Amino acid sequence: MKRTLSLIAASALTALSFSSFAAGSHGGGHGSAESAIGQPGKAGKVSRTINVDMADTMRFTPAAISVKQGETIKFVIKNSGQVKHEFSLGTDDELKEHYETMKKFPDMEHDEPSKVSLAPGKQGQIIWHFTKAGEVKFACLYPGHFDAGMKGQVTVVKK
């Protein structure tokens, strides 16, 4: 009985931590709020499409992308590997914070406009409006993938 109650308590704490994380404890969050990396884009405003491949070599292709400030990009992301991967846009700090969370909850699913998790062979997309010049990072934050070098950068060139 004690063990069952412990399991129920642990499950409840896990569920609560997922809820608080999904509520947007880091930049980007939900909806259309602008962050340091821009804001979710609208399909009707897409300037161009960029295809990104994620592979089990722990690399993105391409790993370096250049866009113009003000562009809305549709990223079409494909997982050509045999394990799950994710494409997560953010600042260095946002990605590091999210990576620490992923280490604790490696099976978490994302419901944020700047992130997509994909099973092997699957494809997804992110539409993002780059409002500020500078660097935006992207990475796969499944435990071990980031450390193995699965990261890249979007350079946003001032208009």
C-alpha atoms as a PDB file:
ATOM      1  CA  MET A   1       0.000   0.000   0.000  1.00  0.00           C
ATOM      2  CA  LYS A   2       2.816   2.392   0.912  1.00  0.00           C
ATOM      3  CA  ARG A   3       4.534   1.665  -2.411  1.00  0.00           C
ATOM      4  CA  THR A   4       1.317   2.330  -4.358  1.00  0.00           C
ATOM      5  CA  LEU A   5       0.874   5.696  -2.616  1.00  0.00           C
ATOM      6  CA  SER A   6       4.507   6.566  -3.375  1.00  0.00           C
ATOM      7  CA  LEU A   7       3.972   5.762  -7.038  1.00  0.00           C
ATOM      8  CA  ILE A   8       0.803   7.844  -7.151  1.00  0.00           C
ATOM      9  CA  ALA A   9       2.581  10.777  -5.475  1.00  0.00           C
ATOM     10  CA  ALA A  10       5.529  10.502  -7.864  1.00  0.00           C
ATOM     11  CA  SER A  11       3.158  10.406 -10.843  1.00  0.00           C
ATOM     12  CA  ALA A  12       1.312  13.472  -9.601  1.00  0.00           C
ATOM     13  CA  LEU A  13       4.558  15.408  -9.113  1.00  0.00           C
ATOM     14  CA  THR A  14       5.711  14.438 -12.592  1.00  0.00           C
ATOM     15  CA  ALA A  15       2.399  15.573 -14.089  1.00  0.00           C
ATOM     16  CA  LEU A  16       2.591  18.881 -12.229  1.00  0.00           C
ATOM     17  CA  SER A  17       6.135  19.519 -13.386  1.00  0.00           C
ATOM     18  CA  PHE A  18       5.094  18.871 -16.990  1.00  0.00           C
ATOM     19  CA  SER A  19       2.226  21.323 -16.606  1.00  0.00           C
ATOM     20  CA  SER A  20       4.407  24.047 -15.166  1.00  0.00           C
ATOM     21  CA  PHE A  21       7.027  23.500 -17.868  1.00  0.00           C
ATOM     22  CA  ALA A  22       4.424  23.583 -20.639  1.00  0.00           C
ATOM     23  CA  ALA A  23       3.141  26.851 -19.241  1.00  0.00           C
ATOM     24  CA  GLY A  24       6.179  28.533 -20.692  1.00  0.00           C
ATOM     25  CA  SER A  25       8.908  28.790 -18.097  1.00  0.00           C
ATOM     26  CA  HIS A  26      11.359  29.805 -20.811  1.00  0.00           C
ATOM     27  CA  GLY A  27      11.312  32.286 -23.683  1.00  0.00           C
ATOM     28  CA  GLY A  28       9.273  31.595 -26.748  1.00  0.00           C
ATOM     29  CA  GLY A  29       6.371  30.192 -24.784  1.00  0.00           C
ATOM     30  CA  HIS A  30       3.010  29.822 -26.450  1.00  0.00           C
ATOM     31  CA  GLY A  31       0.952  31.968 -28.735  1.00  0.00           C
ATOM     32  CA  SER A  32       2.323  35.003 -30.490  1.00  0.00           C
ATOM     33  CA  ALA A  33       4.377  36.603 -27.727  1.00  0.00           C
ATOM     34  CA  GLU A  34       7.655  37.901 -29.111  1.00  0.00           C
ATOM     35  CA  SER A  35      10.846  36.600 -27.557  1.00  0.00           C
ATOM     36  CA  ALA A  36      14.556  37.254 -27.982  1.00  0.00           C
ATOM     37  CA  ILE A  37      14.482  34.952 -31.028  1.00  0.00           C
ATOM     38  CA  GLY A  38      11.340  36.298 -32.733  1.00  0.00           C
ATOM     39  CA  GLN A  39       7.825  34.910 -32.699  1.00  0.00           C
ATOM     40  CA  PRO A  40       5.691  32.153 -34.193  1.00  0.00           C
ATOM     41  CA  GLY A  41       4.967  32.876 -37.853  1.00  0.00           C
ATOM     42  CA  LYS A  42       1.777  32.661 -39.885  1.00  0.00           C
ATOM     43  CA  ALA A  43       1.556  30.258 -42.844  1.00  0.00           C
ATOM     44  CA  GLY A  44       0.255  33.021 -45.137  1.00  0.00           C
ATOM     45  CA  LYS A  45       3.336  35.150 -44.460  1.00  0.00           C
ATOM     46  CA  VAL A  46       6.034  32.541 -45.240  1.00  0.00           C
ATOM     47  CA  SER A  47       8.911  34.119 -47.208  1.00  0.00           C
ATOM     48  CA  ARG A  48      10.597  30.814 -48.004  1.00  0.00           C
ATOM     49  CA  THR A  49      10.961  27.186 -46.962  1.00  0.00           C
ATOM     50  CA  ILE A  50      14.150  25.654 -45.597  1.00  0.00           C
ATOM     51  CA  ASN A  51      14.484  21.860 -45.412  1.00  0.00           C
ATOM     52  CA  VAL A  52      16.429  20.524 -42.438  1.00  0.00           C
ATOM     53  CA  ASP A  53      17.510  16.904 -41.994  1.00  0.00           C
ATOM     54  CA  MET A  54      18.211  15.334 -38.585  1.00  0.00           C
ATOM     55  CA  ALA A  55      20.415  12.234 -38.600  1.00  0.00           C
ATOM     56  CA  ASP A  56      21.797   9.687 -36.152  1.00  0.00           C
ATOM     57  CA  THR A  57      25.271  11.092 -36.826  1.00  0.00           C
ATOM     58  CA  MET A  58      24.017  13.752 -34.362  1.00  0.00           C
ATOM     59  CA  ARG A  59      24.086  16.450 -37.009  1.00  0.00           C
ATOM     60  CA  PHE A  60      21.633  18.784 -38.691  1.00  0.00           C
ATOM     61  CA  THR A  61      21.890  19.445 -42.416  1.00  0.00           C
ATOM     62  CA  PRO A  62      22.236  22.341 -42.877  1.00  0.00           C
ATOM     63  CA  ALA A  63      23.726  23.351 -39.523  1.00  0.00           C
ATOM     64  CA  ALA A  64      24.213  27.006 -40.538  1.00  0.00           C
ATOM     65  CA  ILE A  65      21.275  28.977 -41.930  1.00  0.00           C
ATOM     66  CA  SER A  66      21.063  32.641 -42.905  1.00  0.00           C
ATOM     67  CA  VAL A  67      17.824  34.632 -42.980  1.00  0.00           C
ATOM     68  CA  LYS A  68      16.935  38.307 -43.178  1.00  0.00           C
ATOM     69  CA  GLN A  69      15.401  40.186 -40.292  1.00  0.00           C
ATOM     70  CA  GLY A  70      11.641  40.282 -40.861  1.00  0.00           C
ATOM     71  CA  GLU A  71      11.521  36.995 -42.807  1.00  0.00           C
ATOM     72  CA  THR A  72       9.021  34.304 -41.931  1.00  0.00           C
ATOM     73  CA  ILE A  73      10.581  30.905 -42.559  1.00  0.00           C
ATOM     74  CA  LYS A  74       8.874  27.544 -42.813  1.00  0.00           C
ATOM     75  CA  PHE A  75      11.315  24.914 -41.586  1.00  0.00           C
ATOM     76  CA  VAL A  76      10.432  21.474 -42.936  1.00  0.00           C
ATOM     77  CA  ILE A  77      12.254  19.104 -40.630  1.00  0.00           C
ATOM     78  CA  LYS A  78      12.806  15.418 -41.375  1.00  0.00           C
ATOM     79  CA  ASN A  79      14.169  12.780 -39.035  1.00  0.00           C
ATOM     80  CA  SER A  80      16.137  10.457 -41.318  1.00  0.00           C
ATOM     81  CA  GLY A  81      17.550   8.566 -38.337  1.00  0.00           C
ATOM     82  CA  GLN A  82      16.528   5.494 -36.374  1.00  0.00           C
ATOM     83  CA  VAL A  83      15.990   7.288 -33.036  1.00  0.00           C
ATOM     84  CA  LYS A  84      13.846  10.238 -31.937  1.00  0.00           C
ATOM     85  CA  HIS A  85      15.244  13.703 -32.547  1.00  0.00           C
ATOM     86  CA  GLU A  86      13.977  17.230 -32.015  1.00  0.00           C
ATOM     87  CA  PHE A  87      14.472  20.648 -33.561  1.00  0.00           C
ATOM     88  CA  SER A  88      14.329  23.331 -30.905  1.00  0.00           C
ATOM     89  CA  LEU A  89      14.900  27.054 -31.610  1.00  0.00           C
ATOM     90  CA  GLY A  90      16.136  29.323 -28.813  1.00  0.00           C
ATOM     91  CA  THR A  91      18.836  31.388 -27.226  1.00  0.00           C
ATOM     92  CA  ASP A  92      21.835  29.611 -25.674  1.00  0.00           C
ATOM     93  CA  ASP A  93      20.284  30.045 -22.224  1.00  0.00           C
ATOM     94  CA  GLU A  94      16.853  28.773 -23.319  1.00  0.00           C
ATOM     95  CA  LEU A  95      18.360  25.704 -24.960  1.00  0.00           C
ATOM     96  CA  LYS A  96      20.552  24.918 -21.938  1.00  0.00           C
ATOM     97  CA  GLU A  97      17.584  25.278 -19.581  1.00  0.00           C
ATOM     98  CA  HIS A  98      15.438  23.044 -21.774  1.00  0.00           C
ATOM     99  CA  TYR A  99      18.265  20.486 -22.064  1.00  0.00           C
ATOM    100  CA  GLU A 100      18.430  20.176 -18.262  1.00  0.00           C
ATOM    101  CA  THR A 101      14.673  19.528 -18.214  1.00  0.00           C
ATOM    102  CA  MET A 102      14.980  16.960 -21.018  1.00  0.00           C
ATOM    103  CA  LYS A 103      17.611  15.088 -18.987  1.00  0.00           C
ATOM    104  CA  LYS A 104      15.019  14.686 -16.215  1.00  0.00           C
ATOM    105  CA  PHE A 105      12.069  13.973 -18.553  1.00  0.00           C
ATOM    106  CA  PRO A 106      13.521  12.494 -21.791  1.00  0.00           C
ATOM    107  CA  ASP A 107      10.117  11.372 -23.093  1.00  0.00           C
ATOM    108  CA  MET A 108       8.410  14.755 -22.752  1.00  0.00           C
ATOM    109  CA  GLU A 109       6.352  15.927 -25.709  1.00  0.00           C
ATOM    110  CA  HIS A 110       6.450  19.537 -26.872  1.00  0.00           C
ATOM    111  CA  ASP A 111       3.571  21.884 -27.482  1.00  0.00           C
ATOM    112  CA  GLU A 112       5.534  25.014 -28.309  1.00  0.00           C
ATOM    113  CA  PRO A 113       5.716  26.759 -31.670  1.00  0.00           C
ATOM    114  CA  SER A 114       9.547  26.820 -31.606  1.00  0.00           C
ATOM    115  CA  LYS A 115      10.003  23.060 -31.067  1.00  0.00           C
ATOM    116  CA  VAL A 116       9.170  19.804 -32.808  1.00  0.00           C
ATOM    117  CA  SER A 117       9.991  16.244 -31.733  1.00  0.00           C
ATOM    118  CA  LEU A 118       9.990  13.591 -34.440  1.00  0.00           C
ATOM    119  CA  ALA A 119      10.021   9.815 -34.416  1.00  0.00           C
ATOM    120  CA  PRO A 120      12.318   8.045 -36.901  1.00  0.00           C
ATOM    121  CA  GLY A 121      11.264   8.633 -40.520  1.00  0.00           C
ATOM    122  CA  LYS A 122       8.762  11.367 -39.600  1.00  0.00           C
ATOM    123  CA  GLN A 123       8.572  14.948 -40.822  1.00  0.00           C
ATOM    124  CA  GLY A 124       7.276  18.112 -39.178  1.00  0.00           C
ATOM    125  CA  GLN A 125       7.432  21.860 -39.521  1.00  0.00           C
ATOM    126  CA  ILE A 126       7.966  25.089 -37.655  1.00  0.00           C
ATOM    127  CA  ILE A 127       6.944  28.477 -39.015  1.00  0.00           C
ATOM    128  CA  TRP A 128       8.994  31.230 -37.408  1.00  0.00           C
ATOM    129  CA  HIS A 129       9.096  35.006 -37.867  1.00  0.00           C
ATOM    130  CA  PHE A 130      12.604  36.387 -37.235  1.00  0.00           C
ATOM    131  CA  THR A 131      12.036  39.894 -35.877  1.00  0.00           C
ATOM    132  CA  LYS A 132      15.504  40.704 -34.528  1.00  0.00           C
ATOM    133  CA  ALA A 133      18.977  40.619 -36.082  1.00  0.00           C
ATOM    134  CA  GLY A 134      21.527  38.364 -34.418  1.00  0.00           C
ATOM    135  CA  GLU A 135      21.990  34.672 -33.778  1.00  0.00           C
ATOM    136  CA  VAL A 136      19.305  32.110 -33.036  1.00  0.00           C
ATOM    137  CA  LYS A 137      20.447  28.647 -32.036  1.00  0.00           C
ATOM    138  CA  PHE A 138      18.783  25.323 -32.716  1.00  0.00           C
ATOM    139  CA  ALA A 139      19.502  21.929 -31.209  1.00  0.00           C
ATOM    140  CA  CYS A 140      18.293  18.430 -30.493  1.00  0.00           C
ATOM    141  CA  LEU A 141      17.913  18.298 -26.746  1.00  0.00           C
ATOM    142  CA  TYR A 142      17.359  14.591 -26.232  1.00  0.00           C
ATOM    143  CA  PRO A 143      19.906  13.494 -23.614  1.00  0.00           C
ATOM    144  CA  GLY A 144      23.315  12.991 -25.195  1.00  0.00           C
ATOM    145  CA  HIS A 145      22.398  14.431 -28.611  1.00  0.00           C
ATOM    146  CA  PHE A 146      23.284  18.053 -27.771  1.00  0.00           C
ATOM    147  CA  ASP A 147      26.550  16.970 -26.122  1.00  0.00           C
ATOM    148  CA  ALA A 148      27.399  14.946 -29.249  1.00  0.00           C
ATOM    149  CA  GLY A 149      27.175  18.138 -31.328  1.00  0.00           C
ATOM    150  CA  MET A 150      23.583  18.085 -32.593  1.00  0.00           C
ATOM    151  CA  LYS A 151      23.187  21.850 -32.830  1.00  0.00           C
ATOM    152  CA  GLY A 152      23.177  24.647 -35.363  1.00  0.00           C
ATOM    153  CA  GLN A 153      22.672  28.350 -35.847  1.00  0.00           C
ATOM    154  CA  VAL A 154      20.418  30.731 -37.734  1.00  0.00           C
ATOM    155  CA  THR A 155      22.126  34.039 -38.493  1.00  0.00           C
ATOM    156  CA  VAL A 156      19.520  36.780 -38.791  1.00  0.00           C
ATOM    157  CA  VAL A 157      20.943  39.550 -40.971  1.00  0.00           C
ATOM    158  CA  LYS A 158      19.740  43.120 -40.320  1.00  0.00           C
ATOM    159  CA  LYS A 159      17.531  44.482 -43.111  1.00  0.00           C
END
